[in-house]
PDB file of N, CA and C in Angstrom:
ATOM      1  N   MET A   1       9.409 -14.765 -16.207  1.00  0.00           N
ATOM      2  CA  MET A   1       8.702 -13.613 -15.653  1.00  0.00           C
ATOM      3  C   MET A   1       9.196 -13.163 -13.898  1.00  0.00           C
ATOM      4  N   GLY A   2       8.843 -13.836 -13.246  1.00  0.00           N
ATOM      5  CA  GLY A   2       9.223 -13.827 -11.635  1.00  0.00           C
ATOM      6  C   GLY A   2       8.362 -12.462 -11.090  1.00  0.00           C
ATOM      7  N   GLU A   3       8.409 -12.257  -9.961  1.00  0.00           N
ATOM      8  CA  GLU A   3       8.107 -11.145  -8.848  1.00  0.00           C
ATOM      9  C   GLU A   3       8.720 -10.059  -9.200  1.00  0.00           C
ATOM     10  N   HIS A   4       8.588  -8.474  -9.517  1.00  0.00           N
ATOM     11  CA  HIS A   4       9.463  -7.599  -9.409  1.00  0.00           C
ATOM     12  C   HIS A   4       9.350  -6.809  -8.143  1.00  0.00           C
ATOM     13  N   LEU A   5      10.228  -5.941  -7.911  1.00  0.00           N
ATOM     14  CA  LEU A   5       9.962  -4.881  -6.754  1.00  0.00           C
ATOM     15  C   LEU A   5       9.217  -3.692  -7.566  1.00  0.00           C
ATOM     16  N   ILE A   6       8.296  -3.173  -6.941  1.00  0.00           N
ATOM     17  CA  ILE A   6       7.791  -1.736  -7.581  1.00  0.00           C
ATOM     18  C   ILE A   6       8.577  -0.430  -6.894  1.00  0.00           C
ATOM     19  N   ARG A   7       8.965   0.035  -7.493  1.00  0.00           N
ATOM     20  CA  ARG A   7       9.740   1.445  -7.107  1.00  0.00           C
ATOM     21  C   ARG A   7       8.600   2.112  -6.263  1.00  0.00           C
ATOM     22  N   VAL A   8       9.097   2.632  -5.531  1.00  0.00           N
ATOM     23  CA  VAL A   8       8.306   3.531  -4.806  1.00  0.00           C
ATOM     24  C   VAL A   8       9.023   4.859  -3.775  1.00  0.00           C
ATOM     25  N   GLU A   9       7.900   6.203  -3.743  1.00  0.00           N
ATOM     26  CA  GLU A   9       8.500   7.377  -2.690  1.00  0.00           C
ATOM     27  C   GLU A   9       7.709   7.367  -1.497  1.00  0.00           C
ATOM     28  N   GLU A  10       9.100   7.828  -0.629  1.00  0.00           N
ATOM     29  CA  GLU A  10       7.770   7.399   0.894  1.00  0.00           C
ATOM     30  C   GLU A  10       8.148   9.250   1.502  1.00  0.00           C
ATOM     31  N   SER A  11       7.252   9.734   1.976  1.00  0.00           N
ATOM     32  CA  SER A  11       7.389  11.318   2.279  1.00  0.00           C
ATOM     33  C   SER A  11       6.131  11.488   3.450  1.00  0.00           C
ATOM     34  N   GLU A  12       6.084  12.269   4.375  1.00  0.00           N
ATOM     35  CA  GLU A  12       5.199  13.018   5.137  1.00  0.00           C
ATOM     36  C   GLU A  12       4.646  14.431   4.626  1.00  0.00           C
ATOM     37  N   GLU A  13       3.160  14.377   4.502  1.00  0.00           N
ATOM     38  CA  GLU A  13       3.093  15.502   4.042  1.00  0.00           C
ATOM     39  C   GLU A  13       1.431  16.085   4.871  1.00  0.00           C
ATOM     40  N   ASP A  14       1.397  17.389   5.596  1.00  0.00           N
ATOM     41  CA  ASP A  14       0.027  17.892   5.915  1.00  0.00           C
ATOM     42  C   ASP A  14      -0.700  16.653   6.853  1.00  0.00           C
ATOM     43  N   GLY A  15       0.656  16.454   7.340  1.00  0.00           N
ATOM     44  CA  GLY A  15       0.016  14.989   8.683  1.00  0.00           C
ATOM     45  C   GLY A  15      -0.537  13.698   8.192  1.00  0.00           C
ATOM     46  N   ALA A  16       0.188  13.297   7.025  1.00  0.00           N
ATOM     47  CA  ALA A  16      -0.068  12.318   6.524  1.00  0.00           C
ATOM     48  C   ALA A  16       1.179  11.366   6.299  1.00  0.00           C
ATOM     49  N   TYR A  17       1.308  10.029   6.261  1.00  0.00           N
ATOM     50  CA  TYR A  17       2.503   9.260   5.862  1.00  0.00           C
ATOM     51  C   TYR A  17       1.989   8.934   4.163  1.00  0.00           C
ATOM     52  N   VAL A  18       2.614   9.382   3.237  1.00  0.00           N
ATOM     53  CA  VAL A  18       2.336   9.156   1.494  1.00  0.00           C
ATOM     54  C   VAL A  18       3.269   7.790   0.879  1.00  0.00           C
ATOM     55  N   VAL A  19       2.915   7.302   0.335  1.00  0.00           N
ATOM     56  CA  VAL A  19       3.724   6.511  -0.392  1.00  0.00           C
ATOM     57  C   VAL A  19       3.274   6.337  -1.873  1.00  0.00           C
ATOM     58  N   LYS A  20       4.014   6.446  -2.669  1.00  0.00           N
ATOM     59  CA  LYS A  20       3.229   6.634  -4.186  1.00  0.00           C
ATOM     60  C   LYS A  20       4.030   5.834  -4.949  1.00  0.00           C
ATOM     61  N   ALA A  21       3.422   4.743  -5.294  1.00  0.00           N
ATOM     62  CA  ALA A  21       4.442   3.894  -6.340  1.00  0.00           C
ATOM     63  C   ALA A  21       4.262   4.054  -7.945  1.00  0.00           C
ATOM     64  N   GLU A  22       5.168   3.672  -8.784  1.00  0.00           N
ATOM     65  CA  GLU A  22       5.093   3.588 -10.176  1.00  0.00           C
ATOM     66  C   GLU A  22       4.579   2.417 -10.246  1.00  0.00           C
ATOM     67  N   LEU A  23       3.159   2.618 -11.267  1.00  0.00           N
ATOM     68  CA  LEU A  23       2.207   1.550 -11.607  1.00  0.00           C
ATOM     69  C   LEU A  23       1.963   1.752 -12.984  1.00  0.00           C
ATOM     70  N   PRO A  24       2.943   2.168 -14.208  1.00  0.00           N
ATOM     71  CA  PRO A  24       2.018   3.003 -15.442  1.00  0.00           C
ATOM     72  C   PRO A  24       1.820   1.636 -16.102  1.00  0.00           C
ATOM     73  N   GLY A  25       0.432   1.835 -17.025  1.00  0.00           N
ATOM     74  CA  GLY A  25      -0.027   0.684 -17.469  1.00  0.00           C
ATOM     75  C   GLY A  25      -0.980  -0.589 -17.207  1.00  0.00           C
ATOM     76  N   ILE A  26      -1.113  -0.173 -16.203  1.00  0.00           N
ATOM     77  CA  ILE A  26      -1.853  -0.901 -15.071  1.00  0.00           C
ATOM     78  C   ILE A  26      -3.562  -0.399 -14.700  1.00  0.00           C
ATOM     79  N   ASP A  27      -4.474  -1.186 -14.775  1.00  0.00           N
ATOM     80  CA  ASP A  27      -5.699  -0.815 -14.428  1.00  0.00           C
ATOM     81  C   ASP A  27      -6.055  -0.700 -13.108  1.00  0.00           C
ATOM     82  N   PRO A  28      -5.904  -0.103 -12.261  1.00  0.00           N
ATOM     83  CA  PRO A  28      -6.162  -0.037 -10.665  1.00  0.00           C
ATOM     84  C   PRO A  28      -7.132  -0.850 -10.334  1.00  0.00           C
ATOM     85  N   ASP A  29      -8.377  -0.969 -10.773  1.00  0.00           N
ATOM     86  CA  ASP A  29      -9.802  -1.182 -10.650  1.00  0.00           C
ATOM     87  C   ASP A  29      -9.619  -3.049 -10.935  1.00  0.00           C
ATOM     88  N   LYS A  30      -8.779  -3.722 -11.570  1.00  0.00           N
ATOM     89  CA  LYS A  30      -8.602  -4.943 -12.222  1.00  0.00           C
ATOM     90  C   LYS A  30      -7.346  -5.663 -11.297  1.00  0.00           C
ATOM     91  N   ASP A  31      -6.174  -5.006 -11.121  1.00  0.00           N
ATOM     92  CA  ASP A  31      -4.843  -5.321 -11.418  1.00  0.00           C
ATOM     93  C   ASP A  31      -4.158  -5.082  -9.964  1.00  0.00           C
ATOM     94  N   VAL A  32      -5.035  -4.199  -9.359  1.00  0.00           N
ATOM     95  CA  VAL A  32      -4.203  -3.624  -8.067  1.00  0.00           C
ATOM     96  C   VAL A  32      -4.798  -4.212  -6.861  1.00  0.00           C
ATOM     97  N   LYS A  33      -3.898  -5.125  -6.043  1.00  0.00           N
ATOM     98  CA  LYS A  33      -4.776  -4.988  -4.692  1.00  0.00           C
ATOM     99  C   LYS A  33      -3.377  -4.220  -3.715  1.00  0.00           C
ATOM    100  N   ILE A  34      -4.229  -3.944  -2.726  1.00  0.00           N
ATOM    101  CA  ILE A  34      -3.394  -2.768  -1.214  1.00  0.00           C
ATOM    102  C   ILE A  34      -4.424  -3.497  -0.314  1.00  0.00           C
ATOM    103  N   THR A  35      -3.633  -3.884   1.017  1.00  0.00           N
ATOM    104  CA  THR A  35      -3.286  -3.965   2.026  1.00  0.00           C
ATOM    105  C   THR A  35      -2.948  -3.912   3.112  1.00  0.00           C
ATOM    106  N   PHE A  36      -3.667  -3.865   4.107  1.00  0.00           N
ATOM    107  CA  PHE A  36      -2.633  -3.346   5.537  1.00  0.00           C
ATOM    108  C   PHE A  36      -3.135  -3.774   6.848  1.00  0.00           C
ATOM    109  N   GLU A  37      -1.603  -4.535   7.104  1.00  0.00           N
ATOM    110  CA  GLU A  37      -2.172  -5.699   8.174  1.00  0.00           C
ATOM    111  C   GLU A  37      -0.782  -5.770   8.876  1.00  0.00           C
ATOM    112  N   GLY A  38      -0.965  -5.608  10.340  1.00  0.00           N
ATOM    113  CA  GLY A  38       0.001  -5.885  11.148  1.00  0.00           C
ATOM    114  C   GLY A  38       1.389  -4.543  11.177  1.00  0.00           C
ATOM    115  N   GLY A  39       0.530  -3.553  10.964  1.00  0.00           N
ATOM    116  CA  GLY A  39       1.553  -2.150  10.464  1.00  0.00           C
ATOM    117  C   GLY A  39       2.092  -2.097   8.829  1.00  0.00           C
ATOM    118  N   VAL A  40       2.178  -2.866   8.310  1.00  0.00           N
ATOM    119  CA  VAL A  40       2.670  -2.946   6.853  1.00  0.00           C
ATOM    120  C   VAL A  40       1.674  -2.891   5.994  1.00  0.00           C
ATOM    121  N   LEU A  41       2.221  -2.291   4.605  1.00  0.00           N
ATOM    122  CA  LEU A  41       1.318  -1.414   3.737  1.00  0.00           C
ATOM    123  C   LEU A  41       1.772  -2.750   2.772  1.00  0.00           C
ATOM    124  N   THR A  42       0.885  -3.654   1.954  1.00  0.00           N
ATOM    125  CA  THR A  42       1.542  -4.170   0.434  1.00  0.00           C
ATOM    126  C   THR A  42       0.340  -3.913  -0.335  1.00  0.00           C
ATOM    127  N   VAL A  43       1.491  -3.614  -1.207  1.00  0.00           N
ATOM    128  CA  VAL A  43       0.644  -3.099  -2.808  1.00  0.00           C
ATOM    129  C   VAL A  43       1.134  -4.630  -3.789  1.00  0.00           C
ATOM    130  N   HIS A  44       0.460  -5.096  -4.079  1.00  0.00           N
ATOM    131  CA  HIS A  44       0.276  -6.091  -5.231  1.00  0.00           C
ATOM    132  C   HIS A  44      -0.152  -5.739  -6.889  1.00  0.00           C
ATOM    133  N   ALA A  45       0.527  -5.993  -7.859  1.00  0.00           N
ATOM    134  CA  ALA A  45      -0.179  -5.531  -9.123  1.00  0.00           C
ATOM    135  C   ALA A  45       0.377  -6.517 -10.039  1.00  0.00           C
ATOM    136  N   GLU A  46      -0.353  -6.694 -10.983  1.00  0.00           N
ATOM    137  CA  GLU A  46      -0.145  -7.835 -11.956  1.00  0.00           C
ATOM    138  C   GLU A  46      -0.348  -7.330 -13.362  1.00  0.00           C
ATOM    139  N   ARG A  47       0.896  -7.576 -14.106  1.00  0.00           N
ATOM    140  CA  ARG A  47       0.543  -6.950 -15.701  1.00  0.00           C
ATOM    141  C   ARG A  47       0.906  -8.190 -16.394  1.00  0.00           C
ATOM    142  N   SER A  48      -0.148  -8.580 -17.827  1.00  0.00           N
ATOM    143  CA  SER A  48       0.032  -9.633 -18.757  1.00  0.00           C
ATOM    144  C   SER A  48       0.661  -8.858 -19.884  1.00  0.00           C
ATOM    145  N   LYS A  49       1.349  -9.896 -20.453  1.00  0.00           N
ATOM    146  CA  LYS A  49       1.789  -9.154 -21.818  1.00  0.00           C
ATOM    147  C   LYS A  49       0.906  -9.669 -22.864  1.00  0.00           C
ATOM    148  N   GLU A  50       0.699  -8.120 -23.885  1.00  0.00           N
ATOM    149  CA  GLU A  50       0.266  -9.121 -25.009  1.00  0.00           C
ATOM    150  C   GLU A  50       0.978  -9.482 -26.059  1.00  0.00           C
ATOM    151  N   LYS A  51       0.440 -10.117 -26.658  1.00  0.00           N
ATOM    152  CA  LYS A  51       1.106 -11.270 -27.638  1.00  0.00           C
ATOM    153  C   LYS A  51       0.573 -10.624 -28.681  1.00  0.00           C
ATOM    154  N   LYS A  52       2.234 -10.263 -29.309  1.00  0.00           N
ATOM    155  CA  LYS A  52       2.206 -10.033 -30.574  1.00  0.00           C
ATOM    156  C   LYS A  52       3.119 -10.476 -31.472  1.00  0.00           C
ATOM    157  N   GLU A  53       3.381 -10.409 -32.889  1.00  0.00           N
ATOM    158  CA  GLU A  53       4.367 -11.290 -34.067  1.00  0.00           C
ATOM    159  C   GLU A  53       5.323 -10.031 -33.639  1.00  0.00           C
ATOM    160  N   LYS A  54       6.638 -10.568 -34.078  1.00  0.00           N
ATOM    161  CA  LYS A  54       8.059  -9.920 -33.879  1.00  0.00           C
ATOM    162  C   LYS A  54       7.519  -8.396 -33.240  1.00  0.00           C
ATOM    163  N   GLN A  55       7.955  -8.586 -31.524  1.00  0.00           N
ATOM    164  CA  GLN A  55       7.459  -7.772 -30.711  1.00  0.00           C
ATOM    165  C   GLN A  55       9.401  -7.642 -29.989  1.00  0.00           C
ATOM    166  N   ARG A  56       9.117  -6.581 -29.700  1.00  0.00           N
ATOM    167  CA  ARG A  56      10.477  -6.260 -28.543  1.00  0.00           C
ATOM    168  C   ARG A  56      10.152  -5.656 -27.918  1.00  0.00           C
ATOM    169  N   SER A  57      10.403  -5.770 -26.378  1.00  0.00           N
ATOM    170  CA  SER A  57       9.530  -5.222 -25.422  1.00  0.00           C
ATOM    171  C   SER A  57      10.703  -5.090 -24.272  1.00  0.00           C
ATOM    172  N   GLU A  58      10.912  -4.049 -23.668  1.00  0.00           N
ATOM    173  CA  GLU A  58      11.817  -3.558 -22.331  1.00  0.00           C
ATOM    174  C   GLU A  58      11.127  -3.744 -21.350  1.00  0.00           C
ATOM    175  N   PHE A  59       9.417  -3.423 -21.681  1.00  0.00           N
ATOM    176  CA  PHE A  59       8.663  -3.523 -20.534  1.00  0.00           C
ATOM    177  C   PHE A  59       8.267  -4.569 -19.529  1.00  0.00           C
ATOM    178  N   ARG A  60       8.473  -4.619 -18.309  1.00  0.00           N
ATOM    179  CA  ARG A  60       8.571  -5.800 -17.683  1.00  0.00           C
ATOM    180  C   ARG A  60       6.768  -6.218 -17.154  1.00  0.00           C
ATOM    181  N   TYR A  61       6.595  -7.803 -17.345  1.00  0.00           N
ATOM    182  CA  TYR A  61       5.674  -8.104 -16.926  1.00  0.00           C
ATOM    183  C   TYR A  61       5.310  -9.269 -16.050  1.00  0.00           C
ATOM    184  N   GLY A  62       3.920  -9.586 -15.540  1.00  0.00           N
ATOM    185  CA  GLY A  62       4.449 -10.419 -14.834  1.00  0.00           C
ATOM    186  C   GLY A  62       3.826  -9.750 -13.048  1.00  0.00           C
ATOM    187  N   SER A  63       3.970  -9.937 -11.993  1.00  0.00           N
ATOM    188  CA  SER A  63       4.201  -9.994 -10.448  1.00  0.00           C
ATOM    189  C   SER A  63       4.660  -8.777 -10.396  1.00  0.00           C
ATOM    190  N   PHE A  64       4.315  -7.791  -9.216  1.00  0.00           N
ATOM    191  CA  PHE A  64       4.894  -6.884  -9.103  1.00  0.00           C
ATOM    192  C   PHE A  64       4.379  -6.467  -7.460  1.00  0.00           C
ATOM    193  N   SER A  65       5.285  -6.376  -6.180  1.00  0.00           N
ATOM    194  CA  SER A  65       4.780  -6.132  -5.009  1.00  0.00           C
ATOM    195  C   SER A  65       5.658  -5.423  -4.369  1.00  0.00           C
ATOM    196  N   ARG A  66       5.481  -4.675  -3.552  1.00  0.00           N
ATOM    197  CA  ARG A  66       5.906  -4.117  -2.172  1.00  0.00           C
ATOM    198  C   ARG A  66       5.464  -3.933  -0.890  1.00  0.00           C
ATOM    199  N   ARG A  67       6.255  -4.332  -0.169  1.00  0.00           N
ATOM    200  CA  ARG A  67       5.931  -4.117   1.562  1.00  0.00           C
ATOM    201  C   ARG A  67       6.257  -2.967   2.209  1.00  0.00           C
ATOM    202  N   ILE A  68       5.878  -2.269   2.855  1.00  0.00           N
ATOM    203  CA  ILE A  68       6.445  -1.319   3.666  1.00  0.00           C
ATOM    204  C   ILE A  68       5.799  -1.224   5.001  1.00  0.00           C
ATOM    205  N   ARG A  69       6.489  -0.986   5.972  1.00  0.00           N
ATOM    206  CA  ARG A  69       5.831  -0.325   7.127  1.00  0.00           C
ATOM    207  C   ARG A  69       5.399   0.440   7.360  1.00  0.00           C
ATOM    208  N   LEU A  70       4.622   1.367   7.824  1.00  0.00           N
ATOM    209  CA  LEU A  70       4.007   2.425   8.131  1.00  0.00           C
ATOM    210  C   LEU A  70       4.564   2.749   9.836  1.00  0.00           C
ATOM    211  N   PRO A  71       4.209   4.092  10.020  1.00  0.00           N
ATOM    212  CA  PRO A  71       4.553   4.405  11.445  1.00  0.00           C
ATOM    213  C   PRO A  71       3.677   3.900  12.304  1.00  0.00           C
ATOM    214  N   GLU A  72       3.853   3.939  13.177  1.00  0.00           N
ATOM    215  CA  GLU A  72       2.751   3.209  14.344  1.00  0.00           C
ATOM    216  C   GLU A  72       1.495   4.100  14.765  1.00  0.00           C
ATOM    217  N   ASP A  73       1.776   5.340  14.763  1.00  0.00           N
ATOM    218  CA  ASP A  73       0.510   6.163  14.969  1.00  0.00           C
ATOM    219  C   ASP A  73      -0.328   6.683  13.653  1.00  0.00           C
ATOM    220  N   VAL A  74       0.090   5.529  12.511  1.00  0.00           N
ATOM    221  CA  VAL A  74      -0.755   5.907  11.595  1.00  0.00           C
ATOM    222  C   VAL A  74      -2.512   5.198  11.637  1.00  0.00           C
ATOM    223  N   LYS A  75      -3.336   6.413  11.388  1.00  0.00           N
ATOM    224  CA  LYS A  75      -4.743   6.182  11.357  1.00  0.00           C
ATOM    225  C   LYS A  75      -5.191   5.055  10.149  1.00  0.00           C
ATOM    226  N   GLU A  76      -5.557   3.756  10.650  1.00  0.00           N
ATOM    227  CA  GLU A  76      -5.250   2.407   9.931  1.00  0.00           C
ATOM    228  C   GLU A  76      -7.002   2.919   9.241  1.00  0.00           C
ATOM    229  N   GLN A  77      -8.017   3.149   9.360  1.00  0.00           N
ATOM    230  CA  GLN A  77      -9.260   3.242   9.277  1.00  0.00           C
ATOM    231  C   GLN A  77      -9.400   4.227   7.809  1.00  0.00           C
ATOM    232  N   GLU A  78      -8.545   5.216   8.051  1.00  0.00           N
ATOM    233  CA  GLU A  78      -8.529   6.317   7.315  1.00  0.00           C
ATOM    234  C   GLU A  78      -7.482   6.641   6.175  1.00  0.00           C
ATOM    235  N   ILE A  79      -6.963   5.177   6.011  1.00  0.00           N
ATOM    236  CA  ILE A  79      -6.030   5.326   4.729  1.00  0.00           C
ATOM    237  C   ILE A  79      -6.895   5.035   3.594  1.00  0.00           C
ATOM    238  N   THR A  80      -6.061   5.929   2.296  1.00  0.00           N
ATOM    239  CA  THR A  80      -7.168   5.812   1.333  1.00  0.00           C
ATOM    240  C   THR A  80      -6.002   5.808   0.126  1.00  0.00           C
ATOM    241  N   ALA A  81      -6.394   5.663  -1.409  1.00  0.00           N
ATOM    242  CA  ALA A  81      -5.567   5.299  -2.245  1.00  0.00           C
ATOM    243  C   ALA A  81      -6.405   6.146  -3.125  1.00  0.00           C
ATOM    244  N   SER A  82      -5.231   6.425  -4.368  1.00  0.00           N
ATOM    245  CA  SER A  82      -5.554   7.144  -5.656  1.00  0.00           C
ATOM    246  C   SER A  82      -4.987   6.635  -6.675  1.00  0.00           C
ATOM    247  N   TYR A  83      -5.264   6.790  -7.964  1.00  0.00           N
ATOM    248  CA  TYR A  83      -4.554   6.349  -9.136  1.00  0.00           C
ATOM    249  C   TYR A  83      -4.286   7.347  -9.995  1.00  0.00           C
ATOM    250  N   ASP A  84      -3.220   8.257 -10.536  1.00  0.00           N
ATOM    251  CA  ASP A  84      -3.296   9.012 -11.786  1.00  0.00           C
ATOM    252  C   ASP A  84      -2.295   8.852 -12.424  1.00  0.00           C
ATOM    253  N   LYS A  85      -2.268   8.855 -13.652  1.00  0.00           N
ATOM    254  CA  LYS A  85      -1.279   8.611 -14.476  1.00  0.00           C
ATOM    255  C   LYS A  85      -0.232   7.907 -14.461  1.00  0.00           C
ATOM    256  N   GLY A  86      -0.422   6.532 -14.169  1.00  0.00           N
ATOM    257  CA  GLY A  86       0.686   5.734 -13.721  1.00  0.00           C
ATOM    258  C   GLY A  86       0.975   5.807 -12.363  1.00  0.00           C
ATOM    259  N   VAL A  87       0.784   6.479 -11.881  1.00  0.00           N
ATOM    260  CA  VAL A  87       1.355   6.478 -10.009  1.00  0.00           C
ATOM    261  C   VAL A  87       0.054   6.310  -9.144  1.00  0.00           C
ATOM    262  N   LEU A  88       0.496   5.391  -8.512  1.00  0.00           N
ATOM    263  CA  LEU A  88      -0.498   5.065  -6.882  1.00  0.00           C
ATOM    264  C   LEU A  88      -0.166   5.625  -5.945  1.00  0.00           C
ATOM    265  N   THR A  89      -0.980   6.576  -5.066  1.00  0.00           N
ATOM    266  CA  THR A  89      -0.776   7.527  -4.014  1.00  0.00           C
ATOM    267  C   THR A  89      -1.465   6.996  -2.901  1.00  0.00           C
ATOM    268  N   VAL A  90      -0.864   6.439  -2.253  1.00  0.00           N
ATOM    269  CA  VAL A  90      -1.741   6.188  -0.951  1.00  0.00           C
ATOM    270  C   VAL A  90      -1.148   7.087   0.164  1.00  0.00           C
ATOM    271  N   LYS A  91      -2.565   7.680   1.294  1.00  0.00           N
ATOM    272  CA  LYS A  91      -2.336   8.410   1.989  1.00  0.00           C
ATOM    273  C   LYS A  91      -2.491   7.776   3.483  1.00  0.00           C
ATOM    274  N   ALA A  92      -1.788   8.004   4.397  1.00  0.00           N
ATOM    275  CA  ALA A  92      -2.292   7.503   5.881  1.00  0.00           C
ATOM    276  C   ALA A  92      -2.166   8.530   6.831  1.00  0.00           C
ATOM    277  N   PRO A  93      -3.708   8.909   7.273  1.00  0.00           N
ATOM    278  CA  PRO A  93      -3.096   9.846   7.979  1.00  0.00           C
ATOM    279  C   PRO A  93      -2.372   9.726   9.583  1.00  0.00           C
ATOM    280  N   ILE A  94      -1.103  10.267   9.820  1.00  0.00           N
ATOM    281  CA  ILE A  94      -0.805  10.313  11.406  1.00  0.00           C
ATOM    282  C   ILE A  94      -1.377  10.989  12.463  1.00  0.00           C
ATOM    283  N   GLY A  95      -1.704  10.507  13.389  1.00  0.00           N
ATOM    284  CA  GLY A  95      -2.125  11.054  14.695  1.00  0.00           C
ATOM    285  C   GLY A  95      -2.002  10.097  16.122  1.00  0.00           C
ATOM    286  N   GLU A  96      -2.405  10.685  16.685  1.00  0.00           N
ATOM    287  CA  GLU A  96      -2.571   9.298  18.428  1.00  0.00           C
ATOM    288  C   GLU A  96      -3.346   8.287  18.192  1.00  0.00           C
ATOM    289  N   ALA A  97      -2.541   7.464  18.116  1.00  0.00           N
ATOM    290  CA  ALA A  97      -2.669   5.972  17.997  1.00  0.00           C
ATOM    291  C   ALA A  97      -4.065   5.777  19.162  1.00  0.00           C
ATOM    292  N   GLU A  98      -5.077   5.170  18.407  1.00  0.00           N
ATOM    293  CA  GLU A  98      -6.357   5.077  19.329  1.00  0.00           C
ATOM    294  C   GLU A  98      -6.138   3.832  20.395  1.00  0.00           C
ATOM    295  N   LYS A  99      -6.112   4.383  21.564  1.00  0.00           N
ATOM    296  CA  LYS A  99      -5.976   2.890  22.277  1.00  0.00           C
ATOM    297  C   LYS A  99      -7.242   2.828  23.391  1.00  0.00           C
ATOM    298  N   PRO A 100      -8.162   1.575  23.193  1.00  0.00           N
ATOM    299  CA  PRO A 100      -9.072   1.486  23.889  1.00  0.00           C
ATOM    300  C   PRO A 100      -8.614   1.535  25.171  1.00  0.00           C
ATOM    301  N   THR A 101      -9.622   2.244  26.258  1.00  0.00           N
ATOM    302  CA  THR A 101      -9.515   2.086  27.353  1.00  0.00           C
ATOM    303  C   THR A 101     -10.167   0.997  28.120  1.00  0.00           C
ATOM    304  N   ARG A 102      -9.407   0.315  29.246  1.00  0.00           N
ATOM    305  CA  ARG A 102     -10.445  -0.494  29.785  1.00  0.00           C
ATOM    306  C   ARG A 102     -10.542  -0.393  31.284  1.00  0.00           C
ATOM    307  N   ARG A 103     -11.621  -0.202  31.609  1.00  0.00           N
ATOM    308  CA  ARG A 103     -11.774  -0.510  33.275  1.00  0.00           C
ATOM    309  C   ARG A 103     -11.309  -1.807  33.746  1.00  0.00           C
ATOM    310  N   MET A 104     -10.483  -2.047  34.763  1.00  0.00           N
ATOM    311  CA  MET A 104     -10.119  -3.265  35.691  1.00  0.00           C
ATOM    312  C   MET A 104     -11.160  -3.635  37.213  1.00  0.00           C
ATOM    313  N   GLU A 105     -11.906  -4.266  37.311  1.00  0.00           N
ATOM    314  CA  GLU A 105     -12.607  -4.538  38.031  1.00  0.00           C
ATOM    315  C   GLU A 105     -11.590  -4.813  39.579  1.00  0.00           C
ATOM    316  N   ILE A 106     -12.586  -4.489  40.413  1.00  0.00           N
ATOM    317  CA  ILE A 106     -10.935  -4.677  41.646  1.00  0.00           C
ATOM    318  C   ILE A 106     -12.007  -5.710  42.572  1.00  0.00           C
ATOM    319  N   SER A 107     -11.266  -6.965  42.829  1.00  0.00           N
ATOM    320  CA  SER A 107     -11.837  -7.766  43.740  1.00  0.00           C
ATOM    321  C   SER A 107     -11.793  -7.706  44.540  1.00  0.00           C
ATOM    322  N   LYS A 108     -12.484  -8.148  46.007  1.00  0.00           N
ATOM    323  CA  LYS A 108     -12.729  -7.640  47.148  1.00  0.00           C
ATOM    324  C   LYS A 108     -12.128  -8.470  47.809  1.00  0.00           C
ATOM    325  N   GLY A 109     -11.369  -8.892  49.175  1.00  0.00           N
ATOM    326  CA  GLY A 109     -10.874 -10.140  49.677  1.00  0.00           C
ATOM    327  C   GLY A 109     -11.815 -10.602  50.808  1.00  0.00           C
ATOM    328  N   THR A 110     -11.650 -11.567  50.658  1.00  0.00           N
ATOM    329  CA  THR A 110     -12.727 -12.347  51.475  1.00  0.00           C
ATOM    330  C   THR A 110     -12.193 -12.577  53.116  1.00  0.00           C
TER     331      THR A 110
END
């Protein structure tokens, strides 16, 4: 079986980076894992083959995955995912990268 590449579409819509992934016939609650680490979105899915006698199938079964580098200014905490009619949609809002302000202490010479 092996691991297969998930086909995706990437675009920018309404201030968000949008990734749509083709995942027909997959239960998103049980068979899909989405992670975001180091600026990379990873989608991993599994599809198990049903055993039937005298079956011919062109469907792909096994592991499916895709890694996509997102823009640096993505708001990580606001990333959302939804699944409808075999398509997983991940929306990552784009905005000013939030960088914490750090105050520097000034040491006094002796």
